[in-house]
Amino acid sequence: MRVLKAVIASSLFVIAMPTLAEDKPKLDRNDPNAVRCKRLEVTGSLVRKERICKTNAEWRTISDQQGRDADDLITRSRSGMNPNG
């Protein structure tokens, strides 16, 4: 009886899977809501990498923030660490 239930459950799962995949529209690769995953090196490890997934909009926000941080660091180093110039 258990085997029969498992077979029925797995066959229903296989039948339902294509319908679940069809419900999601395929996003363009450059769409801000499309998810991209990157493998980033883990600090302190020679070989370990971490997989991080975010939307294109989130990756853009992170990149913009890093650019602002770099500009701020350069500006402060030129002014002798005086935040008022």
PDB file of N, CA and C in Angstrom:
ATOM      1  N   MET A   1       0.819  -1.191   0.000  1.00  0.00           N
ATOM      2  CA  MET A   1       0.000   0.000   0.000  1.00  0.00           C
ATOM      3  C   MET A   1       0.869   1.263   0.000  1.00  0.00           C
ATOM      4  N   ARG A   2       1.954   1.254   0.799  1.00  0.00           N
ATOM      5  CA  ARG A   2       2.850   2.412   0.837  1.00  0.00           C
ATOM      6  C   ARG A   2       3.480   2.678  -0.519  1.00  0.00           C
ATOM      7  N   VAL A   3       3.861   1.594  -1.206  1.00  0.00           N
ATOM      8  CA  VAL A   3       4.491   1.736  -2.514  1.00  0.00           C
ATOM      9  C   VAL A   3       3.505   2.355  -3.495  1.00  0.00           C
ATOM     10  N   LEU A   4       2.276   1.923  -3.466  1.00  0.00           N
ATOM     11  CA  LEU A   4       1.259   2.458  -4.352  1.00  0.00           C
ATOM     12  C   LEU A   4       1.036   3.948  -4.091  1.00  0.00           C
ATOM     13  N   LYS A   5       1.000   4.353  -2.825  1.00  0.00           N
ATOM     14  CA  LYS A   5       0.834   5.766  -2.485  1.00  0.00           C
ATOM     15  C   LYS A   5       2.025   6.582  -2.981  1.00  0.00           C
ATOM     16  N   ALA A   6       3.230   6.037  -2.831  1.00  0.00           N
ATOM     17  CA  ALA A   6       4.426   6.745  -3.280  1.00  0.00           C
ATOM     18  C   ALA A   6       4.424   6.901  -4.792  1.00  0.00           C
ATOM     19  N   VAL A   7       4.012   5.876  -5.514  1.00  0.00           N
ATOM     20  CA  VAL A   7       3.962   5.943  -6.972  1.00  0.00           C
ATOM     21  C   VAL A   7       2.928   6.970  -7.427  1.00  0.00           C
ATOM     22  N   ILE A   8       1.780   6.968  -6.788  1.00  0.00           N
ATOM     23  CA  ILE A   8       0.732   7.930  -7.153  1.00  0.00           C
ATOM     24  C   ILE A   8       1.185   9.353  -6.846  1.00  0.00           C
ATOM     25  N   ALA A   9       1.773   9.559  -5.695  1.00  0.00           N
ATOM     26  CA  ALA A   9       2.237  10.892  -5.310  1.00  0.00           C
ATOM     27  C   ALA A   9       3.318  11.384  -6.253  1.00  0.00           C
ATOM     28  N   SER A  10       4.276  10.536  -6.605  1.00  0.00           N
ATOM     29  CA  SER A  10       5.349  10.967  -7.492  1.00  0.00           C
ATOM     30  C   SER A  10       4.830  11.232  -8.899  1.00  0.00           C
ATOM     31  N   SER A  11       3.864  10.447  -9.373  1.00  0.00           N
ATOM     32  CA  SER A  11       3.315  10.686 -10.706  1.00  0.00           C
ATOM     33  C   SER A  11       2.526  11.993 -10.734  1.00  0.00           C
ATOM     34  N   LEU A  12       1.812  12.303  -9.656  1.00  0.00           N
ATOM     35  CA  LEU A  12       1.105  13.580  -9.592  1.00  0.00           C
ATOM     36  C   LEU A  12       2.081  14.742  -9.555  1.00  0.00           C
ATOM     37  N   PHE A  13       3.196  14.568  -8.867  1.00  0.00           N
ATOM     38  CA  PHE A  13       4.208  15.617  -8.796  1.00  0.00           C
ATOM     39  C   PHE A  13       4.812  15.867 -10.175  1.00  0.00           C
ATOM     40  N   VAL A  14       5.106  14.818 -10.908  1.00  0.00           N
ATOM     41  CA  VAL A  14       5.683  14.954 -12.247  1.00  0.00           C
ATOM     42  C   VAL A  14       4.685  15.601 -13.195  1.00  0.00           C
ATOM     43  N   ILE A  15       3.414  15.267 -13.066  1.00  0.00           N
ATOM     44  CA  ILE A  15       2.388  15.858 -13.922  1.00  0.00           C
ATOM     45  C   ILE A  15       2.211  17.337 -13.593  1.00  0.00           C
ATOM     46  N   ALA A  16       2.298  17.713 -12.328  1.00  0.00           N
ATOM     47  CA  ALA A  16       2.084  19.097 -11.925  1.00  0.00           C
ATOM     48  C   ALA A  16       3.280  19.985 -12.227  1.00  0.00           C
ATOM     49  N   MET A  17       4.469  19.439 -12.323  1.00  0.00           N
ATOM     50  CA  MET A  17       5.663  20.257 -12.526  1.00  0.00           C
ATOM     51  C   MET A  17       5.623  21.084 -13.804  1.00  0.00           C
ATOM     52  N   PRO A  18       5.272  20.557 -14.972  1.00  0.00           N
ATOM     53  CA  PRO A  18       5.253  21.405 -16.160  1.00  0.00           C
ATOM     54  C   PRO A  18       4.264  22.560 -16.046  1.00  0.00           C
ATOM     55  N   THR A  19       3.154  22.362 -15.371  1.00  0.00           N
ATOM     56  CA  THR A  19       2.202  23.454 -15.228  1.00  0.00           C
ATOM     57  C   THR A  19       2.741  24.530 -14.303  1.00  0.00           C
ATOM     58  N   LEU A  20       3.521  24.157 -13.298  1.00  0.00           N
ATOM     59  CA  LEU A  20       4.131  25.158 -12.420  1.00  0.00           C
ATOM     60  C   LEU A  20       5.161  25.967 -13.174  1.00  0.00           C
ATOM     61  N   ALA A  21       5.923  25.336 -14.039  1.00  0.00           N
ATOM     62  CA  ALA A  21       6.960  26.031 -14.789  1.00  0.00           C
ATOM     63  C   ALA A  21       6.350  26.983 -15.812  1.00  0.00           C
ATOM     64  N   GLU A  22       5.174  26.663 -16.336  1.00  0.00           N
ATOM     65  CA  GLU A  22       4.539  27.506 -17.333  1.00  0.00           C
ATOM     66  C   GLU A  22       3.929  28.758 -16.721  1.00  0.00           C
ATOM     67  N   ASP A  23       3.631  28.731 -15.431  1.00  0.00           N
ATOM     68  CA  ASP A  23       3.003  29.880 -14.785  1.00  0.00           C
ATOM     69  C   ASP A  23       3.939  31.090 -14.722  1.00  0.00           C
ATOM     70  N   LYS A  24       5.241  30.853 -14.609  1.00  0.00           N
ATOM     71  CA  LYS A  24       6.195  31.948 -14.513  1.00  0.00           C
ATOM     72  C   LYS A  24       6.587  32.416 -15.910  1.00  0.00           C
ATOM     73  N   PRO A  25       6.416  33.698 -16.216  1.00  0.00           N
ATOM     74  CA  PRO A  25       6.878  34.179 -17.513  1.00  0.00           C
ATOM     75  C   PRO A  25       8.403  34.274 -17.522  1.00  0.00           C
ATOM     76  N   LYS A  26       8.992  33.961 -18.643  1.00  0.00           N
ATOM     77  CA  LYS A  26      10.454  34.013 -18.782  1.00  0.00           C
ATOM     78  C   LYS A  26      10.873  35.481 -18.849  1.00  0.00           C
ATOM     79  N   LEU A  27      11.741  35.912 -17.931  1.00  0.00           N
ATOM     80  CA  LEU A  27      12.201  37.294 -17.894  1.00  0.00           C
ATOM     81  C   LEU A  27      13.409  37.468 -18.804  1.00  0.00           C
ATOM     82  N   ASP A  28      13.509  38.647 -19.382  1.00  0.00           N
ATOM     83  CA  ASP A  28      14.683  38.997 -20.166  1.00  0.00           C
ATOM     84  C   ASP A  28      15.883  39.055 -19.231  1.00  0.00           C
ATOM     85  N   ARG A  29      17.034  38.693 -19.729  1.00  0.00           N
ATOM     86  CA  ARG A  29      18.245  38.643 -18.903  1.00  0.00           C
ATOM     87  C   ARG A  29      18.604  40.003 -18.300  1.00  0.00           C
ATOM     88  N   ASN A  30      18.259  41.080 -18.994  1.00  0.00           N
ATOM     89  CA  ASN A  30      18.583  42.428 -18.520  1.00  0.00           C
ATOM     90  C   ASN A  30      17.442  43.093 -17.767  1.00  0.00           C
ATOM     91  N   ASP A  31      16.362  42.376 -17.539  1.00  0.00           N
ATOM     92  CA  ASP A  31      15.226  42.900 -16.784  1.00  0.00           C
ATOM     93  C   ASP A  31      15.653  43.160 -15.336  1.00  0.00           C
ATOM     94  N   PRO A  32      15.270  44.301 -14.762  1.00  0.00           N
ATOM     95  CA  PRO A  32      15.666  44.595 -13.373  1.00  0.00           C
ATOM     96  C   PRO A  32      15.183  43.565 -12.361  1.00  0.00           C
ATOM     97  N   ASN A  33      14.120  42.833 -12.669  1.00  0.00           N
ATOM     98  CA  ASN A  33      13.590  41.833 -11.747  1.00  0.00           C
ATOM     99  C   ASN A  33      14.151  40.441 -11.975  1.00  0.00           C
ATOM    100  N   ALA A  34      14.967  40.269 -13.003  1.00  0.00           N
ATOM    101  CA  ALA A  34      15.574  38.968 -13.275  1.00  0.00           C
ATOM    102  C   ALA A  34      16.645  38.685 -12.223  1.00  0.00           C
ATOM    103  N   VAL A  35      16.710  37.453 -11.768  1.00  0.00           N
ATOM    104  CA  VAL A  35      17.660  37.071 -10.722  1.00  0.00           C
ATOM    105  C   VAL A  35      18.942  36.566 -11.359  1.00  0.00           C
ATOM    106  N   ARG A  36      20.067  37.054 -10.846  1.00  0.00           N
ATOM    107  CA  ARG A  36      21.386  36.593 -11.280  1.00  0.00           C
ATOM    108  C   ARG A  36      22.152  36.113 -10.066  1.00  0.00           C
ATOM    109  N   CYS A  37      22.895  35.044 -10.267  1.00  0.00           N
ATOM    110  CA  CYS A  37      23.711  34.495  -9.188  1.00  0.00           C
ATOM    111  C   CYS A  37      25.178  34.695  -9.529  1.00  0.00           C
ATOM    112  N   LYS A  38      25.954  35.031  -8.522  1.00  0.00           N
ATOM    113  CA  LYS A  38      27.398  35.206  -8.677  1.00  0.00           C
ATOM    114  C   LYS A  38      28.103  34.360  -7.630  1.00  0.00           C
ATOM    115  N   ARG A  39      29.271  33.862  -7.997  1.00  0.00           N
ATOM    116  CA  ARG A  39      30.096  33.100  -7.061  1.00  0.00           C
ATOM    117  C   ARG A  39      31.217  34.027  -6.594  1.00  0.00           C
ATOM    118  N   LEU A  40      31.188  34.380  -5.310  1.00  0.00           N
ATOM    119  CA  LEU A  40      32.160  35.297  -4.737  1.00  0.00           C
ATOM    120  C   LEU A  40      33.096  34.546  -3.803  1.00  0.00           C
ATOM    121  N   GLU A  41      34.368  34.927  -3.837  1.00  0.00           N
ATOM    122  CA  GLU A  41      35.366  34.285  -2.981  1.00  0.00           C
ATOM    123  C   GLU A  41      35.112  34.620  -1.522  1.00  0.00           C
ATOM    124  N   VAL A  42      35.324  33.647  -0.653  1.00  0.00           N
ATOM    125  CA  VAL A  42      35.161  33.846   0.778  1.00  0.00           C
ATOM    126  C   VAL A  42      36.484  34.334   1.339  1.00  0.00           C
ATOM    127  N   THR A  43      36.445  35.440   2.071  1.00  0.00           N
ATOM    128  CA  THR A  43      37.655  35.998   2.654  1.00  0.00           C
ATOM    129  C   THR A  43      38.264  35.010   3.647  1.00  0.00           C
ATOM    130  N   GLY A  44      39.559  34.777   3.529  1.00  0.00           N
ATOM    131  CA  GLY A  44      40.257  33.879   4.429  1.00  0.00           C
ATOM    132  C   GLY A  44      40.347  32.450   3.923  1.00  0.00           C
ATOM    133  N   SER A  45      39.755  32.175   2.769  1.00  0.00           N
ATOM    134  CA  SER A  45      39.805  30.837   2.212  1.00  0.00           C
ATOM    135  C   SER A  45      40.445  30.893   0.831  1.00  0.00           C
ATOM    136  N   LEU A  46      41.227  29.881   0.508  1.00  0.00           N
ATOM    137  CA  LEU A  46      41.881  29.849  -0.789  1.00  0.00           C
ATOM    138  C   LEU A  46      40.968  29.308  -1.886  1.00  0.00           C
ATOM    139  N   VAL A  47      40.066  28.425  -1.528  1.00  0.00           N
ATOM    140  CA  VAL A  47      39.251  27.776  -2.550  1.00  0.00           C
ATOM    141  C   VAL A  47      37.750  27.954  -2.386  1.00  0.00           C
ATOM    142  N   ARG A  48      37.286  28.295  -1.211  1.00  0.00           N
ATOM    143  CA  ARG A  48      35.844  28.355  -0.959  1.00  0.00           C
ATOM    144  C   ARG A  48      35.226  29.568  -1.640  1.00  0.00           C
ATOM    145  N   LYS A  49      34.085  29.344  -2.274  1.00  0.00           N
ATOM    146  CA  LYS A  49      33.324  30.412  -2.904  1.00  0.00           C
ATOM    147  C   LYS A  49      31.887  30.327  -2.421  1.00  0.00           C
ATOM    148  N   GLU A  50      31.240  31.459  -2.375  1.00  0.00           N
ATOM    149  CA  GLU A  50      29.867  31.525  -1.900  1.00  0.00           C
ATOM    150  C   GLU A  50      28.978  31.987  -3.049  1.00  0.00           C
ATOM    151  N   ARG A  51      27.856  31.313  -3.239  1.00  0.00           N
ATOM    152  CA  ARG A  51      26.924  31.670  -4.300  1.00  0.00           C
ATOM    153  C   ARG A  51      25.886  32.624  -3.739  1.00  0.00           C
ATOM    154  N   ILE A  52      25.785  33.807  -4.362  1.00  0.00           N
ATOM    155  CA  ILE A  52      24.848  34.824  -3.909  1.00  0.00           C
ATOM    156  C   ILE A  52      23.938  35.193  -5.071  1.00  0.00           C
ATOM    157  N   CYS A  53      22.643  35.137  -4.838  1.00  0.00           N
ATOM    158  CA  CYS A  53      21.653  35.440  -5.872  1.00  0.00           C
ATOM    159  C   CYS A  53      20.876  36.693  -5.482  1.00  0.00           C
ATOM    160  N   LYS A  54      20.795  37.627  -6.419  1.00  0.00           N
ATOM    161  CA  LYS A  54      20.043  38.872  -6.224  1.00  0.00           C
ATOM    162  C   LYS A  54      19.451  39.283  -7.573  1.00  0.00           C
ATOM    163  N   THR A  55      18.501  40.197  -7.535  1.00  0.00           N
ATOM    164  CA  THR A  55      17.940  40.708  -8.786  1.00  0.00           C
ATOM    165  C   THR A  55      18.935  41.686  -9.411  1.00  0.00           C
ATOM    166  N   ASN A  56      18.751  41.958 -10.694  1.00  0.00           N
ATOM    167  CA  ASN A  56      19.630  42.912 -11.369  1.00  0.00           C
ATOM    168  C   ASN A  56      19.568  44.285 -10.702  1.00  0.00           C
ATOM    169  N   ALA A  57      18.392  44.677 -10.241  1.00  0.00           N
ATOM    170  CA  ALA A  57      18.249  45.972  -9.569  1.00  0.00           C
ATOM    171  C   ALA A  57      19.063  46.006  -8.269  1.00  0.00           C
ATOM    172  N   GLU A  58      19.059  44.904  -7.516  1.00  0.00           N
ATOM    173  CA  GLU A  58      19.846  44.849  -6.275  1.00  0.00           C
ATOM    174  C   GLU A  58      21.337  44.890  -6.573  1.00  0.00           C
ATOM    175  N   TRP A  59      21.785  44.155  -7.614  1.00  0.00           N
ATOM    176  CA  TRP A  59      23.209  44.195  -7.983  1.00  0.00           C
ATOM    177  C   TRP A  59      23.601  45.612  -8.403  1.00  0.00           C
ATOM    178  N   ARG A  60      22.722  46.322  -9.120  1.00  0.00           N
ATOM    179  CA  ARG A  60      23.004  47.693  -9.554  1.00  0.00           C
ATOM    180  C   ARG A  60      23.122  48.619  -8.345  1.00  0.00           C
ATOM    181  N   THR A  61      22.231  48.464  -7.371  1.00  0.00           N
ATOM    182  CA  THR A  61      22.274  49.279  -6.155  1.00  0.00           C
ATOM    183  C   THR A  61      23.571  49.050  -5.396  1.00  0.00           C
ATOM    184  N   ILE A  62      23.989  47.807  -5.281  1.00  0.00           N
ATOM    185  CA  ILE A  62      25.244  47.481  -4.587  1.00  0.00           C
ATOM    186  C   ILE A  62      26.426  48.098  -5.312  1.00  0.00           C
ATOM    187  N   SER A  63      26.442  47.998  -6.631  1.00  0.00           N
ATOM    188  CA  SER A  63      27.537  48.554  -7.423  1.00  0.00           C
ATOM    189  C   SER A  63      27.605  50.075  -7.280  1.00  0.00           C
ATOM    190  N   ASP A  64      26.440  50.728  -7.335  1.00  0.00           N
ATOM    191  CA  ASP A  64      26.401  52.184  -7.167  1.00  0.00           C
ATOM    192  C   ASP A  64      26.903  52.598  -5.787  1.00  0.00           C
ATOM    193  N   GLN A  65      26.498  51.869  -4.745  1.00  0.00           N
ATOM    194  CA  GLN A  65      26.937  52.187  -3.381  1.00  0.00           C
ATOM    195  C   GLN A  65      28.446  52.009  -3.237  1.00  0.00           C
ATOM    196  N   GLN A  66      28.990  50.957  -3.837  1.00  0.00           N
ATOM    197  CA  GLN A  66      30.437  50.734  -3.775  1.00  0.00           C
ATOM    198  C   GLN A  66      31.193  51.851  -4.492  1.00  0.00           C
ATOM    199  N   GLY A  67      30.640  52.346  -5.594  1.00  0.00           N
ATOM    200  CA  GLY A  67      31.256  53.467  -6.305  1.00  0.00           C
ATOM    201  C   GLY A  67      31.257  54.728  -5.463  1.00  0.00           C
ATOM    202  N   ARG A  68      30.127  54.992  -4.789  1.00  0.00           N
ATOM    203  CA  ARG A  68      30.066  56.165  -3.904  1.00  0.00           C
ATOM    204  C   ARG A  68      31.041  56.030  -2.737  1.00  0.00           C
ATOM    205  N   ASP A  69      31.151  54.830  -2.176  1.00  0.00           N
ATOM    206  CA  ASP A  69      32.097  54.611  -1.077  1.00  0.00           C
ATOM    207  C   ASP A  69      33.539  54.836  -1.526  1.00  0.00           C
ATOM    208  N   ALA A  70      33.875  54.370  -2.724  1.00  0.00           N
ATOM    209  CA  ALA A  70      35.233  54.557  -3.248  1.00  0.00           C
ATOM    210  C   ALA A  70      35.517  56.038  -3.486  1.00  0.00           C
ATOM    211  N   ASP A  71      34.557  56.766  -4.056  1.00  0.00           N
ATOM    212  CA  ASP A  71      34.737  58.205  -4.268  1.00  0.00           C
ATOM    213  C   ASP A  71      34.906  58.937  -2.947  1.00  0.00           C
ATOM    214  N   ASP A  72      34.134  58.550  -1.951  1.00  0.00           N
ATOM    215  CA  ASP A  72      34.222  59.170  -0.632  1.00  0.00           C
ATOM    216  C   ASP A  72      35.590  58.914  -0.004  1.00  0.00           C
ATOM    217  N   LEU A  73      36.101  57.702  -0.142  1.00  0.00           N
ATOM    218  CA  LEU A  73      37.410  57.364   0.398  1.00  0.00           C
ATOM    219  C   LEU A  73      38.515  58.177  -0.266  1.00  0.00           C
ATOM    220  N   ILE A  74      38.434  58.324  -1.572  1.00  0.00           N
ATOM    221  CA  ILE A  74      39.438  59.104  -2.307  1.00  0.00           C
ATOM    222  C   ILE A  74      39.365  60.571  -1.907  1.00  0.00           C
ATOM    223  N   THR A  75      38.165  61.099  -1.800  1.00  0.00           N
ATOM    224  CA  THR A  75      37.992  62.505  -1.421  1.00  0.00           C
ATOM    225  C   THR A  75      38.544  62.763  -0.026  1.00  0.00           C
ATOM    226  N   ARG A  76      38.256  61.854   0.919  1.00  0.00           N
ATOM    227  CA  ARG A  76      38.761  62.046   2.281  1.00  0.00           C
ATOM    228  C   ARG A  76      40.273  61.913   2.354  1.00  0.00           C
ATOM    229  N   SER A  77      40.857  61.036   1.556  1.00  0.00           N
ATOM    230  CA  SER A  77      42.310  60.869   1.615  1.00  0.00           C
ATOM    231  C   SER A  77      43.016  62.081   1.015  1.00  0.00           C
ATOM    232  N   ARG A  78      42.412  62.726   0.042  1.00  0.00           N
ATOM    233  CA  ARG A  78      43.011  63.930  -0.562  1.00  0.00           C
ATOM    234  C   ARG A  78      42.929  65.118   0.388  1.00  0.00           C
ATOM    235  N   SER A  79      41.898  65.160   1.226  1.00  0.00           N
ATOM    236  CA  SER A  79      41.720  66.308   2.104  1.00  0.00           C
ATOM    237  C   SER A  79      42.382  66.099   3.471  1.00  0.00           C
ATOM    238  N   GLY A  80      43.153  65.041   3.633  1.00  0.00           N
ATOM    239  CA  GLY A  80      43.841  64.806   4.889  1.00  0.00           C
ATOM    240  C   GLY A  80      42.915  64.295   5.977  1.00  0.00           C
ATOM    241  N   MET A  81      41.904  63.516   5.617  1.00  0.00           N
ATOM    242  CA  MET A  81      40.959  62.903   6.555  1.00  0.00           C
ATOM    243  C   MET A  81      40.100  63.928   7.282  1.00  0.00           C
ATOM    244  N   ASN A  82      40.039  65.142   6.794  1.00  0.00           N
ATOM    245  CA  ASN A  82      39.179  66.161   7.372  1.00  0.00           C
ATOM    246  C   ASN A  82      37.848  66.131   6.628  1.00  0.00           C
ATOM    247  N   PRO A  83      36.754  65.692   7.273  1.00  0.00           N
ATOM    248  CA  PRO A  83      35.479  65.574   6.559  1.00  0.00           C
ATOM    249  C   PRO A  83      34.925  66.908   6.070  1.00  0.00           C
ATOM    250  N   ASN A  84      35.388  68.030   6.633  1.00  0.00           N
ATOM    251  CA  ASN A  84      34.877  69.346   6.227  1.00  0.00           C
ATOM    252  C   ASN A  84      35.729  69.971   5.121  1.00  0.00           C
ATOM    253  N   GLY A  85      36.719  69.261   4.649  1.00  0.00           N
ATOM    254  CA  GLY A  85      37.527  69.768   3.543  1.00  0.00           C
ATOM    255  C   GLY A  85      38.711  70.455   4.041  1.00  0.00           C
TER     256      GLY A  85
END
